[in-house]
Amino acid sequence: MENAIVIKLTPTNQRSAGEEITATLRNAEQHNGKTLFTFDQSVDLRRWKDRVEHFIATTKNGKTALIARVMDFNDREKNPDAAPDLEEFPQVPPYAPDDKKTWFALSDVRAIEIREGDFSNDEGRDLLDLIGGRSSRAYVSYSE
């Protein structure tokens, strides 16, 4: 069993959720599987800092998704002195690393498709059900 934080992406001014995932995958591919992923929501560092091992970004239906190993992450508002290593984990263009509140330094980034039953939280709720409603993120356990 491994621990993952899951982010359901929504369209931005620059790209759709699927385009954002594709751009992130492409950036990681160009940098030996490493990238910096940022988003504009706060993360509960006390709850997740020592538990999160993997990061999943997905569209609402799970057809376009990525999974990666979390090397480091932080919330700029809660810990403004922490900064990512941009040489090792390059930011996805056109964003600057400080454009958004939270950053994740990711390695071993790869594409996946999420199907019903692939991932569930500690209470057994399916990931697609968790993110299908209003929730934009979930904490899940999974095994491959």
C-alpha atoms as a PDB file:
ATOM      1  CA  MET A   1       0.000   0.000   0.000  1.00  0.00           C
ATOM      2  CA  GLU A   2       1.164   3.458  -0.829  1.00  0.00           C
ATOM      3  CA  ASN A   3      -0.193   6.916  -0.075  1.00  0.00           C
ATOM      4  CA  ALA A   4      -1.193   9.442  -2.702  1.00  0.00           C
ATOM      5  CA  ILE A   5      -2.672  12.883  -2.940  1.00  0.00           C
ATOM      6  CA  VAL A   6      -4.966  13.247  -5.936  1.00  0.00           C
ATOM      7  CA  ILE A   7      -5.713  16.535  -7.651  1.00  0.00           C
ATOM      8  CA  LYS A   8      -8.693  16.841  -9.999  1.00  0.00           C
ATOM      9  CA  LEU A   9      -7.644  19.495 -12.471  1.00  0.00           C
ATOM     10  CA  THR A  10     -10.011  22.112 -13.805  1.00  0.00           C
ATOM     11  CA  PRO A  11      -9.489  24.287 -16.894  1.00  0.00           C
ATOM     12  CA  THR A  12      -7.251  27.338 -16.538  1.00  0.00           C
ATOM     13  CA  ASN A  13      -6.935  30.413 -18.691  1.00  0.00           C
ATOM     14  CA  GLN A  14      -4.067  28.698 -20.520  1.00  0.00           C
ATOM     15  CA  ARG A  15      -5.242  25.079 -20.924  1.00  0.00           C
ATOM     16  CA  SER A  16      -7.909  22.502 -20.314  1.00  0.00           C
ATOM     17  CA  ALA A  17      -7.328  19.946 -17.541  1.00  0.00           C
ATOM     18  CA  GLY A  18      -6.291  17.320 -20.111  1.00  0.00           C
ATOM     19  CA  GLU A  19      -3.917  19.742 -21.835  1.00  0.00           C
ATOM     20  CA  GLU A  20      -2.358  20.616 -18.466  1.00  0.00           C
ATOM     21  CA  ILE A  21      -1.690  16.952 -17.724  1.00  0.00           C
ATOM     22  CA  THR A  22      -0.274  16.407 -21.219  1.00  0.00           C
ATOM     23  CA  ALA A  23       2.006  19.462 -20.848  1.00  0.00           C
ATOM     24  CA  THR A  24       3.209  18.169 -17.474  1.00  0.00           C
ATOM     25  CA  LEU A  25       3.942  14.727 -18.936  1.00  0.00           C
ATOM     26  CA  ARG A  26       5.820  16.290 -21.851  1.00  0.00           C
ATOM     27  CA  ASN A  27       7.865  18.505 -19.509  1.00  0.00           C
ATOM     28  CA  ALA A  28       8.798  15.524 -17.345  1.00  0.00           C
ATOM     29  CA  GLU A  29       9.721  13.493 -20.416  1.00  0.00           C
ATOM     30  CA  GLN A  30      12.134  16.250 -21.460  1.00  0.00           C
ATOM     31  CA  HIS A  31      13.711  16.333 -17.973  1.00  0.00           C
ATOM     32  CA  ASN A  32      14.401  12.683 -17.103  1.00  0.00           C
ATOM     33  CA  GLY A  33      10.975  12.075 -15.562  1.00  0.00           C
ATOM     34  CA  LYS A  34      11.121  15.104 -13.262  1.00  0.00           C
ATOM     35  CA  THR A  35       8.947  18.209 -13.139  1.00  0.00           C
ATOM     36  CA  LEU A  36       7.538  20.821 -10.811  1.00  0.00           C
ATOM     37  CA  PHE A  37       3.761  20.875 -10.541  1.00  0.00           C
ATOM     38  CA  THR A  38       2.028  23.912  -9.045  1.00  0.00           C
ATOM     39  CA  PHE A  39      -1.602  24.648  -8.257  1.00  0.00           C
ATOM     40  CA  ASP A  40      -3.514  27.388  -6.510  1.00  0.00           C
ATOM     41  CA  GLN A  41      -4.954  25.566  -3.503  1.00  0.00           C
ATOM     42  CA  SER A  42      -3.469  25.213  -0.045  1.00  0.00           C
ATOM     43  CA  VAL A  43      -2.341  21.838   1.227  1.00  0.00           C
ATOM     44  CA  ASP A  44      -2.511  20.756   4.864  1.00  0.00           C
ATOM     45  CA  LEU A  45       1.210  20.277   5.442  1.00  0.00           C
ATOM     46  CA  ARG A  46       0.727  18.930   8.971  1.00  0.00           C
ATOM     47  CA  ARG A  47      -1.561  16.180   7.698  1.00  0.00           C
ATOM     48  CA  TRP A  48       0.289  15.148   4.541  1.00  0.00           C
ATOM     49  CA  LYS A  49       3.952  16.159   4.745  1.00  0.00           C
ATOM     50  CA  ASP A  50       5.190  12.847   6.163  1.00  0.00           C
ATOM     51  CA  ARG A  51       2.583  10.590   4.533  1.00  0.00           C
ATOM     52  CA  VAL A  52       2.308  11.457   0.855  1.00  0.00           C
ATOM     53  CA  GLU A  53       4.448   9.278  -1.385  1.00  0.00           C
ATOM     54  CA  HIS A  54       2.678   9.720  -4.729  1.00  0.00           C
ATOM     55  CA  PHE A  55       0.882  12.458  -6.623  1.00  0.00           C
ATOM     56  CA  ILE A  56      -1.936  11.867  -9.089  1.00  0.00           C
ATOM     57  CA  ALA A  57      -3.390  14.559 -11.340  1.00  0.00           C
ATOM     58  CA  THR A  58      -6.498  13.622 -13.282  1.00  0.00           C
ATOM     59  CA  THR A  59      -9.398  14.879 -15.279  1.00  0.00           C
ATOM     60  CA  LYS A  60     -12.828  14.295 -13.734  1.00  0.00           C
ATOM     61  CA  ASN A  61     -13.394  11.074 -15.686  1.00  0.00           C
ATOM     62  CA  GLY A  62      -9.874   9.672 -15.132  1.00  0.00           C
ATOM     63  CA  LYS A  63      -9.179   9.137 -18.832  1.00  0.00           C
ATOM     64  CA  THR A  64      -6.282  11.596 -18.806  1.00  0.00           C
ATOM     65  CA  ALA A  65      -4.114  11.291 -15.706  1.00  0.00           C
ATOM     66  CA  LEU A  66      -0.577  11.075 -14.445  1.00  0.00           C
ATOM     67  CA  ILE A  67       1.086   9.523 -11.446  1.00  0.00           C
ATOM     68  CA  ALA A  68       4.459  10.460  -9.971  1.00  0.00           C
ATOM     69  CA  ARG A  69       6.602   9.977  -6.903  1.00  0.00           C
ATOM     70  CA  VAL A  70       6.580  13.020  -4.584  1.00  0.00           C
ATOM     71  CA  MET A  71      10.129  14.105  -3.792  1.00  0.00           C
ATOM     72  CA  ASP A  72       9.110  17.284  -1.951  1.00  0.00           C
ATOM     73  CA  PHE A  73       6.177  19.669  -1.676  1.00  0.00           C
ATOM     74  CA  ASN A  74       5.219  22.833   0.099  1.00  0.00           C
ATOM     75  CA  ASP A  75       2.642  25.559   0.513  1.00  0.00           C
ATOM     76  CA  ARG A  76       4.088  29.038  -0.062  1.00  0.00           C
ATOM     77  CA  GLU A  77       1.639  30.766   2.283  1.00  0.00           C
ATOM     78  CA  LYS A  78       2.399  28.406   5.171  1.00  0.00           C
ATOM     79  CA  ASN A  79       6.129  28.067   4.542  1.00  0.00           C
ATOM     80  CA  PRO A  80       7.371  30.925   2.321  1.00  0.00           C
ATOM     81  CA  ASP A  81      11.069  30.154   2.862  1.00  0.00           C
ATOM     82  CA  ALA A  82      10.863  26.692   1.282  1.00  0.00           C
ATOM     83  CA  ALA A  83      11.658  26.755  -2.417  1.00  0.00           C
ATOM     84  CA  PRO A  84      11.794  23.997  -5.027  1.00  0.00           C
ATOM     85  CA  ASP A  85      15.011  23.031  -6.810  1.00  0.00           C
ATOM     86  CA  LEU A  86      14.157  24.368 -10.258  1.00  0.00           C
ATOM     87  CA  GLU A  87      17.284  22.952 -11.878  1.00  0.00           C
ATOM     88  CA  GLU A  88      16.313  19.421 -10.888  1.00  0.00           C
ATOM     89  CA  PHE A  89      12.532  19.909 -11.158  1.00  0.00           C
ATOM     90  CA  PRO A  90      11.778  22.383 -13.988  1.00  0.00           C
ATOM     91  CA  GLN A  91       8.450  24.184 -14.009  1.00  0.00           C
ATOM     92  CA  VAL A  92       5.918  23.493 -16.754  1.00  0.00           C
ATOM     93  CA  PRO A  93       5.768  26.517 -19.117  1.00  0.00           C
ATOM     94  CA  PRO A  94       4.259  29.138 -19.129  1.00  0.00           C
ATOM     95  CA  TYR A  95       4.094  29.192 -15.324  1.00  0.00           C
ATOM     96  CA  ALA A  96       6.633  30.625 -12.937  1.00  0.00           C
ATOM     97  CA  PRO A  97       7.269  28.531  -9.822  1.00  0.00           C
ATOM     98  CA  ASP A  98       5.818  31.210  -7.575  1.00  0.00           C
ATOM     99  CA  ASP A  99       2.639  31.760  -9.642  1.00  0.00           C
ATOM    100  CA  LYS A 100       0.598  29.468  -7.431  1.00  0.00           C
ATOM    101  CA  LYS A 101       0.288  28.565  -3.747  1.00  0.00           C
ATOM    102  CA  THR A 102       1.454  24.953  -3.668  1.00  0.00           C
ATOM    103  CA  TRP A 103       4.284  23.154  -5.437  1.00  0.00           C
ATOM    104  CA  PHE A 104       5.175  19.477  -5.820  1.00  0.00           C
ATOM    105  CA  ALA A 105       8.629  18.304  -6.953  1.00  0.00           C
ATOM    106  CA  LEU A 106       7.843  15.095  -8.860  1.00  0.00           C
ATOM    107  CA  SER A 107       9.922  12.248 -10.262  1.00  0.00           C
ATOM    108  CA  ASP A 108       9.073   9.082 -12.198  1.00  0.00           C
ATOM    109  CA  VAL A 109       6.174  10.919 -13.862  1.00  0.00           C
ATOM    110  CA  ARG A 110       4.098   8.695 -16.151  1.00  0.00           C
ATOM    111  CA  ALA A 111       0.695   8.638 -17.807  1.00  0.00           C
ATOM    112  CA  ILE A 112      -2.096   6.439 -16.448  1.00  0.00           C
ATOM    113  CA  GLU A 113      -5.809   5.982 -16.982  1.00  0.00           C
ATOM    114  CA  ILE A 114      -7.940   5.712 -13.872  1.00  0.00           C
ATOM    115  CA  ARG A 115     -10.794   3.224 -14.015  1.00  0.00           C
ATOM    116  CA  GLU A 116     -13.448   2.526 -11.434  1.00  0.00           C
ATOM    117  CA  GLY A 117     -11.972   0.346  -8.695  1.00  0.00           C
ATOM    118  CA  ASP A 118      -8.316   1.269  -9.350  1.00  0.00           C
ATOM    119  CA  PHE A 119      -7.955   3.566  -6.335  1.00  0.00           C
ATOM    120  CA  SER A 120      -9.889   3.989  -3.092  1.00  0.00           C
ATOM    121  CA  ASN A 121      -9.539   5.910   0.152  1.00  0.00           C
ATOM    122  CA  ASP A 122      -9.176   4.366   3.613  1.00  0.00           C
ATOM    123  CA  GLU A 123     -12.963   4.031   3.890  1.00  0.00           C
ATOM    124  CA  GLY A 124     -13.180   2.123   0.595  1.00  0.00           C
ATOM    125  CA  ARG A 125     -14.707   4.964  -1.453  1.00  0.00           C
ATOM    126  CA  ASP A 126     -13.672   4.862  -5.091  1.00  0.00           C
ATOM    127  CA  LEU A 127     -11.439   7.701  -6.285  1.00  0.00           C
ATOM    128  CA  LEU A 128     -13.670   8.585  -9.235  1.00  0.00           C
ATOM    129  CA  ASP A 129     -16.609   8.948  -6.835  1.00  0.00           C
ATOM    130  CA  LEU A 130     -14.525  11.087  -4.482  1.00  0.00           C
ATOM    131  CA  ILE A 131     -13.489  13.567  -7.158  1.00  0.00           C
ATOM    132  CA  GLY A 132     -16.681  13.369  -9.213  1.00  0.00           C
ATOM    133  CA  GLY A 133     -18.528  15.802  -6.998  1.00  0.00           C
ATOM    134  CA  ARG A 134     -17.340  19.066  -5.568  1.00  0.00           C
ATOM    135  CA  SER A 135     -14.085  17.809  -4.105  1.00  0.00           C
ATOM    136  CA  SER A 136     -11.014  18.852  -6.029  1.00  0.00           C
ATOM    137  CA  ARG A 137      -8.613  16.612  -4.172  1.00  0.00           C
ATOM    138  CA  ALA A 138      -8.560  13.371  -2.287  1.00  0.00           C
ATOM    139  CA  TYR A 139      -6.182  11.327  -0.194  1.00  0.00           C
ATOM    140  CA  VAL A 140      -6.117   7.683  -1.190  1.00  0.00           C
ATOM    141  CA  SER A 141      -4.294   4.441  -0.597  1.00  0.00           C
ATOM    142  CA  TYR A 142      -3.634   2.220  -3.549  1.00  0.00           C
ATOM    143  CA  SER A 143      -1.756  -0.809  -4.761  1.00  0.00           C
ATOM    144  CA  GLU A 144      -0.712  -1.681  -8.282  1.00  0.00           C
END
